[in-house]
């Protein structure tokens, strides 16, 4: 079977198994992307989650000997939450980003890629393949861009005129020859809505992101985060959709064709206070099917504390005091004390002093001392004004 015929059969089969976009590019090195990655590292913009070997990220033949072609796939995911529960006083809710709705996309795409590999082996016996999704070495967006799934927008997302940017991406390297598709024209024009809307100015220039300032990255870290970023989280528990929500190409884009990717409203928009006391087992049972659970419960609980401060939810004070007094994690006790201080203000001064007197952990001492210093400074200014 020649390459064109093989590609046609694979493309038809891809549609049958729930792949929304099927495109092909060569297995040539991604030289432009390599230079971008070098600049990203030099400027300190990399998140640290990436594969550290830049050659493996940009040279397909290092991942599959005799690689000739790369199949790029995309699966559209939903952007609207039907019957979303509404938060109210005493029952505030957080939100998981859209990319974490429904079944973990790693599994959803791996299932499709596995079927596609099996099809290739049936149609071309003896062929070699290797597929990957997100956590693989290749840069998904570079493959998708060169294959023509969409163009790389100013927010660094791949944007399809058909599907917008709400797309999961994956790729399959093969030693079969498949005629490559052409890249598509960049169509952002003079629009800067994504850059203007970014809550932390992470989009430092068109197509360049400082990952360490990106809320989507910040929500996945496990340590205490700078206070300004705590406020910037809003009620986000995982991920951030702001730069995609404002993109004109995402207007009226909402994929409903994949049942396993449709969200459970209570799962992706959960009550905040109950999150603070979840055990590991409870967390895995309730949220383990989401891609947003990959870092475990700690980041979600930390972000929930920040969200309670965002809402100034006084009904959470008892739960926060329990965390401050009993949590085994030093940084979470410290964050709870910070939250109590930010919600209660100076009326929490006595409580904070008490915690500092019995909890010598460094994070606790730093967070508590900062609150006390601020309150003393506020009183000093008030007395001077009088």
Protein backbone atom coordinates (compact mmCIF):
# COMPACT_ATOMS: atom_id res chain seq x y z
CA UNK A 1 0.00 0.00 0.00
CA UNK A 2 1.43 3.38 -0.95
CA UNK A 3 1.64 6.26 1.50
CA UNK A 4 -1.37 8.17 0.19
CA UNK A 5 -3.64 5.13 0.36
CA UNK A 6 -2.40 4.26 3.85
CA UNK A 7 -3.00 7.80 5.04
CA UNK A 8 -6.52 7.83 3.63
CA UNK A 9 -7.43 4.61 5.44
CA UNK A 10 -5.92 5.82 8.70
CA UNK A 11 -7.69 9.16 8.41
CA UNK A 12 -11.05 7.46 7.92
CA UNK A 13 -10.39 5.12 10.84
CA UNK A 14 -9.36 8.05 13.06
CA UNK A 15 -12.79 9.59 12.57
CA UNK A 16 -14.42 6.27 13.54
CA UNK A 17 -12.55 6.08 16.86
CA UNK A 18 -13.27 9.63 17.98
CA UNK A 19 -10.34 11.65 16.69
CA UNK A 20 -11.46 15.11 15.58
CA UNK A 21 -8.33 16.18 13.73
CA UNK A 22 -5.84 13.92 11.93
CA UNK A 23 -2.85 15.53 10.25
CA UNK A 24 0.63 14.40 9.22
CA UNK A 25 4.05 16.01 9.27
CA UNK A 26 7.54 14.74 8.59
CA UNK A 27 9.90 13.38 11.23
CA UNK A 28 12.41 16.11 10.50
CA UNK A 29 13.91 17.84 13.57
CA UNK A 30 11.97 20.77 15.03
CA UNK A 31 14.84 23.22 14.76
CA UNK A 32 12.84 26.43 15.28
CA UNK A 33 11.20 24.96 18.38
CA UNK A 34 14.60 23.97 19.74
CA UNK A 35 15.77 27.58 19.53
CA UNK A 36 12.58 28.72 21.29
CA UNK A 37 13.18 26.21 24.06
CA UNK A 38 16.78 27.35 24.46
CA UNK A 39 15.61 30.96 24.80
CA UNK A 40 12.90 29.87 27.24
CA UNK A 41 15.47 28.22 29.48
CA UNK A 42 17.90 31.13 29.22
CA UNK A 43 15.20 33.56 30.33
CA UNK A 44 14.03 31.31 33.15
CA UNK A 45 10.57 30.87 31.66
CA UNK A 46 10.46 27.04 31.74
CA UNK A 47 8.18 25.41 34.31
CA UNK A 48 10.45 22.52 35.22
CA UNK A 49 7.81 19.94 34.34
CA UNK A 50 9.24 19.50 30.85
CA UNK A 51 11.57 16.81 29.51
CA UNK A 52 15.02 18.36 30.18
CA UNK A 53 16.77 16.94 27.10
CA UNK A 54 16.09 19.45 24.32
CA UNK A 55 17.38 17.10 21.62
CA UNK A 56 14.84 14.43 22.60
CA UNK A 57 12.11 17.09 22.65
CA UNK A 58 12.86 18.15 19.09
CA UNK A 59 14.44 15.19 17.26
CA UNK A 60 11.92 12.42 16.47
CA UNK A 61 14.59 9.97 15.27
CA UNK A 62 15.99 9.87 18.81
CA UNK A 63 12.65 8.45 19.92
CA UNK A 64 12.07 6.00 17.05
CA UNK A 65 14.82 4.72 14.79
CA UNK A 66 14.09 5.26 11.11
CA UNK A 67 11.19 7.60 11.90
CA UNK A 68 9.73 9.04 8.70
CA UNK A 69 6.34 10.54 9.54
CA UNK A 70 4.46 11.87 12.56
CA UNK A 71 0.68 11.69 12.86
CA UNK A 72 -0.72 14.58 14.89
CA UNK A 73 -4.15 14.11 16.42
CA UNK A 74 -6.51 16.40 18.27
CA UNK A 75 -9.64 15.67 20.28
CA UNK A 76 -11.97 18.55 21.13
CA UNK A 77 -13.16 18.96 24.72
CA UNK A 78 -16.17 20.80 26.17
CA UNK A 79 -16.10 24.43 27.23
CA UNK A 80 -19.49 24.75 28.94
CA UNK A 81 -20.60 23.21 32.24
CA UNK A 82 -24.24 22.16 32.01
CA UNK A 83 -26.29 22.41 35.21
CA UNK A 84 -23.34 23.92 37.07
CA UNK A 85 -23.96 24.11 40.83
CA UNK A 86 -24.01 27.65 42.18
CA UNK A 87 -21.94 28.63 45.15
CA UNK A 88 -23.38 30.76 47.93
CA UNK A 89 -22.40 32.05 51.33
CA UNK A 90 -21.26 29.11 53.41
CA UNK A 91 -21.12 26.87 50.36
CA UNK A 92 -18.43 28.41 48.19
CA UNK A 93 -17.07 26.36 45.31
CA UNK A 94 -13.83 26.04 43.40
CA UNK A 95 -13.37 25.12 39.76
CA UNK A 96 -11.17 22.76 37.79
CA UNK A 97 -10.00 24.07 34.41
CA UNK A 98 -11.70 22.75 31.29
CA UNK A 99 -8.73 20.62 30.32
CA UNK A 100 -9.39 18.59 33.47
CA UNK A 101 -13.06 17.89 32.82
CA UNK A 102 -14.19 14.34 32.18
CA UNK A 103 -11.86 11.36 31.89
CA UNK A 104 -8.17 12.15 32.22
CA UNK A 105 -7.20 13.19 28.70
CA UNK A 106 -3.96 11.22 28.86
CA UNK A 107 -6.01 8.05 29.05
CA UNK A 108 -8.61 9.22 26.53
CA UNK A 109 -5.98 10.01 23.90
CA UNK A 110 -3.79 7.00 24.68
CA UNK A 111 -6.80 4.76 24.06
CA UNK A 112 -7.29 6.31 20.64
CA UNK A 113 -3.59 6.26 19.76
CA UNK A 114 -3.33 2.60 20.76
CA UNK A 115 -6.13 1.75 18.35
CA UNK A 116 -4.46 3.82 15.64
CA UNK A 117 -1.16 1.99 16.19
CA UNK A 118 -2.93 -1.36 15.92
CA UNK A 119 -4.50 -0.22 12.65
CA UNK A 120 -1.12 0.77 11.23
CA UNK A 121 0.36 -2.59 12.16
CA UNK A 122 -2.57 -4.34 10.47
CA UNK A 123 -2.34 -2.27 7.28
CA UNK A 124 1.46 -2.21 7.20
CA UNK A 125 2.82 -5.35 8.92
CA UNK A 126 6.26 -4.92 10.43
CA UNK A 127 5.98 -1.14 10.72
CA UNK A 128 7.29 0.62 13.81
CA UNK A 129 5.30 3.14 15.85
CA UNK A 130 5.58 5.15 19.02
CA UNK A 131 2.84 7.38 20.42
CA UNK A 132 2.74 9.93 23.23
CA UNK A 133 0.46 12.42 24.93
CA UNK A 134 1.67 15.46 26.86
CA UNK A 135 4.16 13.66 29.10
CA UNK A 136 6.13 12.32 26.13
CA UNK A 137 9.33 13.93 24.94
CA UNK A 138 8.11 15.74 21.83
CA UNK A 139 6.49 19.16 22.09
CA UNK A 140 2.84 18.45 21.25
CA UNK A 141 2.16 21.97 20.05
CA UNK A 142 5.15 22.03 17.73
CA UNK A 143 3.99 18.81 16.07
CA UNK A 144 0.39 20.02 15.80
CA UNK A 145 1.48 23.38 14.37
CA UNK A 146 3.72 21.92 11.67
CA UNK A 147 1.11 19.28 10.79
CA UNK A 148 -1.55 21.95 10.28
CA UNK A 149 -4.00 21.13 13.06
CA UNK A 150 -3.99 24.81 13.85
CA UNK A 151 -1.76 27.82 14.29
CA UNK A 152 0.12 28.77 17.41
CA UNK A 153 -1.68 31.70 18.99
CA UNK A 154 -0.31 34.55 21.05
CA UNK A 155 -1.40 32.61 24.13
CA UNK A 156 0.81 29.69 23.01
CA UNK A 157 -2.24 27.48 22.38
CA UNK A 158 -2.86 25.67 19.11
CA UNK A 159 -5.93 27.31 17.59
CA UNK A 160 -8.07 25.55 15.00
CA UNK A 161 -10.57 27.55 12.99
CA UNK A 162 -12.94 24.59 13.32
CA UNK A 163 -12.51 23.71 16.98
CA UNK A 164 -10.87 26.72 18.58
CA UNK A 165 -8.17 25.95 21.13
CA UNK A 166 -10.12 23.59 23.39
CA UNK A 167 -8.13 20.66 22.01
CA UNK A 168 -6.21 17.75 23.47
CA UNK A 169 -3.13 16.95 21.40
CA UNK A 170 -1.20 13.74 20.81
CA UNK A 171 1.19 12.32 18.26
CA UNK A 172 2.29 9.02 16.76
CA UNK A 173 5.73 8.57 15.21
CA UNK A 174 6.08 5.90 12.53
CA UNK A 175 8.58 4.59 10.02
CA UNK A 176 5.81 4.50 7.40
CA UNK A 177 5.78 7.21 4.79
CA UNK A 178 2.60 9.29 4.88
CA UNK A 179 2.22 12.41 2.71
CA UNK A 180 2.62 15.43 5.00
CA UNK A 181 0.05 18.19 5.39
CA UNK A 182 0.84 21.88 5.30
CA UNK A 183 0.98 24.24 8.24
CA UNK A 184 -1.81 26.82 8.41
CA UNK A 185 -1.52 30.59 8.44
CA UNK A 186 -1.27 32.40 11.78
CA UNK A 187 -4.52 34.31 12.19
CA UNK A 188 -4.26 36.25 15.46
CA UNK A 189 -3.66 39.48 13.57
CA UNK A 190 -3.56 42.51 15.86
CA UNK A 191 -5.71 40.87 18.57
CA UNK A 192 -4.14 40.84 22.04
CA UNK A 193 -7.17 39.87 24.12
CA UNK A 194 -5.41 36.86 25.65
CA UNK A 195 -2.38 38.91 26.67
CA UNK A 196 -4.51 41.70 28.09
CA UNK A 197 -6.64 39.29 30.12
CA UNK A 198 -3.87 37.18 31.67
CA UNK A 199 -4.20 37.68 35.46
CA UNK A 200 -0.47 37.45 36.12
CA UNK A 201 1.00 38.91 32.90
CA UNK A 202 2.48 35.50 32.11
CA UNK A 203 2.21 36.16 28.35
CA UNK A 204 5.29 38.34 28.22
CA UNK A 205 5.11 38.80 24.45
CA UNK A 206 3.14 37.24 21.60
CA UNK A 207 3.77 33.51 21.64
CA UNK A 208 6.08 33.66 24.67
CA UNK A 209 4.92 32.53 28.10
CA UNK A 210 6.69 32.73 31.43
CA UNK A 211 5.43 29.38 32.71
CA UNK A 212 6.36 30.22 36.29
CA UNK A 213 3.88 33.12 36.25
CA UNK A 214 1.14 31.14 34.52
CA UNK A 215 -1.72 30.31 36.88
CA UNK A 216 -2.19 26.96 35.20
CA UNK A 217 1.36 26.04 36.25
CA UNK A 218 1.09 27.66 39.67
CA UNK A 219 -2.00 25.61 40.54
CA UNK A 220 0.05 22.44 39.97
CA UNK A 221 3.00 23.29 42.22
CA UNK A 222 3.16 21.82 45.71
CA UNK A 223 4.85 24.53 47.75
CA UNK A 224 3.73 27.81 49.27
CA UNK A 225 3.33 30.42 46.55
CA UNK A 226 3.94 34.17 46.75
CA UNK A 227 1.02 36.05 48.26
CA UNK A 228 0.19 38.02 45.10
CA UNK A 229 -0.30 34.77 43.23
CA UNK A 230 -2.53 33.43 46.02
CA UNK A 231 -4.96 36.24 45.32
CA UNK A 232 -4.63 35.81 41.56
CA UNK A 233 -5.86 32.21 41.78
CA UNK A 234 -9.41 33.36 42.50
CA UNK A 235 -11.43 30.17 42.92
CA UNK A 236 -9.28 28.07 40.59
CA UNK A 237 -8.36 24.66 41.95
CA UNK A 238 -6.49 23.45 38.88
CA UNK A 239 -5.64 25.10 35.61
CA UNK A 240 -6.66 28.43 34.14
CA UNK A 241 -8.82 29.11 31.09
CA UNK A 242 -8.74 32.91 30.98
CA UNK A 243 -6.61 33.33 27.85
CA UNK A 244 -8.78 30.80 26.02
CA UNK A 245 -12.10 32.17 27.24
CA UNK A 246 -11.40 35.59 25.72
CA UNK A 247 -10.10 34.21 22.40
CA UNK A 248 -12.47 35.06 19.52
CA UNK A 249 -11.79 31.67 17.93
CA UNK A 250 -13.36 29.96 20.95
CA UNK A 251 -16.65 31.82 20.65
CA UNK A 252 -19.50 29.27 20.54
CA UNK A 253 -17.05 26.35 20.60
CA UNK A 254 -18.36 23.52 22.78
CA UNK A 255 -17.62 19.88 22.02
CA UNK A 256 -20.25 17.37 23.10
CA UNK A 257 -19.39 14.43 20.85
CA UNK A 258 -17.19 12.52 23.31
CA UNK A 259 -19.18 11.09 26.21
CA UNK A 260 -16.17 10.25 28.38
CA UNK A 261 -14.96 13.87 28.26
CA UNK A 262 -18.19 15.39 29.52
CA UNK A 263 -17.80 16.80 33.04
CA UNK A 264 -19.56 15.85 36.26
CA UNK A 265 -20.56 19.29 37.60
CA UNK A 266 -20.15 18.32 41.26
CA UNK A 267 -16.73 16.85 40.57
CA UNK A 268 -15.26 19.78 38.65
CA UNK A 269 -16.95 22.51 40.69
CA UNK A 270 -16.74 21.12 44.22
CA UNK A 271 -17.51 22.68 47.58
CA UNK A 272 -14.35 24.17 49.03
CA UNK A 273 -14.54 23.52 52.77
CA UNK A 274 -14.88 19.70 52.50
CA UNK A 275 -11.72 19.61 50.37
CA UNK A 276 -9.62 20.69 53.35
CA UNK A 277 -10.16 17.47 55.28
CA UNK A 278 -10.05 14.87 52.48
CA UNK A 279 -7.86 11.83 53.06
CA UNK A 280 -5.66 10.57 50.23
CA UNK A 281 -8.05 7.69 49.64
CA UNK A 282 -11.08 9.98 49.57
CA UNK A 283 -9.32 12.31 47.16
CA UNK A 284 -8.40 9.50 44.77
CA UNK A 285 -11.92 8.06 44.92
CA UNK A 286 -13.56 11.37 44.14
CA UNK A 287 -11.08 13.06 41.82
CA UNK A 288 -8.72 10.33 40.62
CA UNK A 289 -10.32 10.12 37.16
CA UNK A 290 -9.41 13.76 36.42
CA UNK A 291 -6.13 14.84 34.86
CA UNK A 292 -6.08 17.55 37.54
CA UNK A 293 -5.48 14.89 40.19
CA UNK A 294 -2.02 13.98 38.89
CA UNK A 295 -0.17 15.95 41.57
CA UNK A 296 -2.26 14.57 44.43
CA UNK A 297 -4.48 16.34 46.92
CA UNK A 298 -2.01 18.88 48.33
CA UNK A 299 -2.07 21.46 45.51
CA UNK A 300 -5.87 21.23 45.34
CA UNK A 301 -6.20 21.77 49.09
CA UNK A 302 -3.73 24.66 49.01
CA UNK A 303 -5.64 26.29 46.17
CA UNK A 304 -8.93 25.71 48.03
CA UNK A 305 -7.53 27.67 51.00
CA UNK A 306 -6.64 30.54 48.66
CA UNK A 307 -10.14 30.41 47.16
CA UNK A 308 -11.71 30.69 50.63
CA UNK A 309 -9.66 33.85 51.17
CA UNK A 310 -10.81 35.08 47.76
CA UNK A 311 -14.41 34.69 48.94
CA UNK A 312 -13.65 36.00 52.44
CA UNK A 313 -15.61 33.00 53.68
CA UNK A 314 -15.91 33.29 57.47
CA UNK A 315 -17.82 30.01 57.63
CA UNK A 316 -14.51 28.33 56.77
CA UNK A 317 -12.71 29.57 59.89
CA UNK A 318 -13.35 26.45 61.97
CA UNK A 319 -11.99 24.20 59.22
CA UNK A 320 -9.00 26.50 58.77
CA UNK A 321 -8.27 26.47 62.50
CA UNK A 322 -8.37 22.67 62.46
CA UNK A 323 -5.87 22.69 59.60
CA UNK A 324 -3.65 25.23 61.37
CA UNK A 325 -3.58 23.16 64.55
CA UNK A 326 -3.52 19.56 63.36
CA UNK A 327 -2.24 19.27 59.78
CA UNK A 328 1.02 17.33 59.56
CA UNK A 329 2.27 19.52 56.71
CA UNK A 330 4.15 22.60 57.87
CA UNK A 331 3.38 24.70 54.83
CA UNK A 332 -0.34 23.91 54.98
CA UNK A 333 -0.49 24.92 58.65
CA UNK A 334 1.24 28.14 57.68
CA UNK A 335 -1.17 28.77 54.82
CA UNK A 336 -4.16 28.16 57.09
CA UNK A 337 -2.85 30.74 59.55
CA UNK A 338 -2.39 33.20 56.69
CA UNK A 339 -5.95 32.53 55.52
CA UNK A 340 -7.39 33.05 59.01
CA UNK A 341 -5.56 36.34 59.25
CA UNK A 342 -6.71 37.51 55.82
CA UNK A 343 -10.33 36.59 56.48
CA UNK A 344 -10.59 37.80 60.10
CA UNK A 345 -8.16 40.69 60.01
CA UNK A 346 -6.77 42.01 63.26
CA UNK A 347 -9.34 40.18 65.34
CA UNK A 348 -7.24 37.07 64.64
CA UNK A 349 -4.12 38.62 66.17
CA UNK A 350 -4.41 36.76 69.45
CA UNK A 351 -4.93 33.46 67.65
CA UNK A 352 -1.93 34.02 65.42
CA UNK A 353 0.26 34.87 68.41
CA UNK A 354 -0.88 31.69 70.15
CA UNK A 355 0.01 29.58 67.12
CA UNK A 356 3.46 31.15 66.87
CA UNK A 357 4.07 30.35 70.53
CA UNK A 358 3.38 26.62 70.06
CA UNK A 359 4.40 25.92 66.46
CA UNK A 360 8.07 26.57 65.75
CA UNK A 361 7.93 25.44 62.10
CA UNK A 362 9.72 27.95 59.87
CA UNK A 363 6.85 28.45 57.39
CA UNK A 364 4.43 29.05 60.26
CA UNK A 365 6.73 31.57 61.89
CA UNK A 366 7.27 33.45 58.61
CA UNK A 367 3.58 33.65 57.65
CA UNK A 368 2.44 34.54 61.16
CA UNK A 369 5.14 37.14 61.72
CA UNK A 370 4.27 38.86 58.47
CA UNK A 371 0.64 39.19 59.53
CA UNK A 372 1.59 40.57 62.94
CA UNK A 373 4.03 43.05 61.43
CA UNK A 374 1.38 44.29 59.00
CA UNK A 375 -1.17 44.79 61.76
CA UNK A 376 1.33 46.66 63.94
CA UNK A 377 2.20 48.90 61.00
CA UNK A 378 -1.49 49.57 60.33
CA UNK A 379 -2.04 50.58 63.95
CA UNK A 380 1.00 52.82 63.87
CA UNK A 381 -0.33 54.62 60.80
CA UNK A 382 -3.79 54.96 62.38
CA UNK A 383 -2.37 56.45 65.57
CA UNK A 384 -0.28 58.93 63.58
CA UNK A 385 -3.30 60.03 61.56
CA UNK A 386 -5.28 60.62 64.75
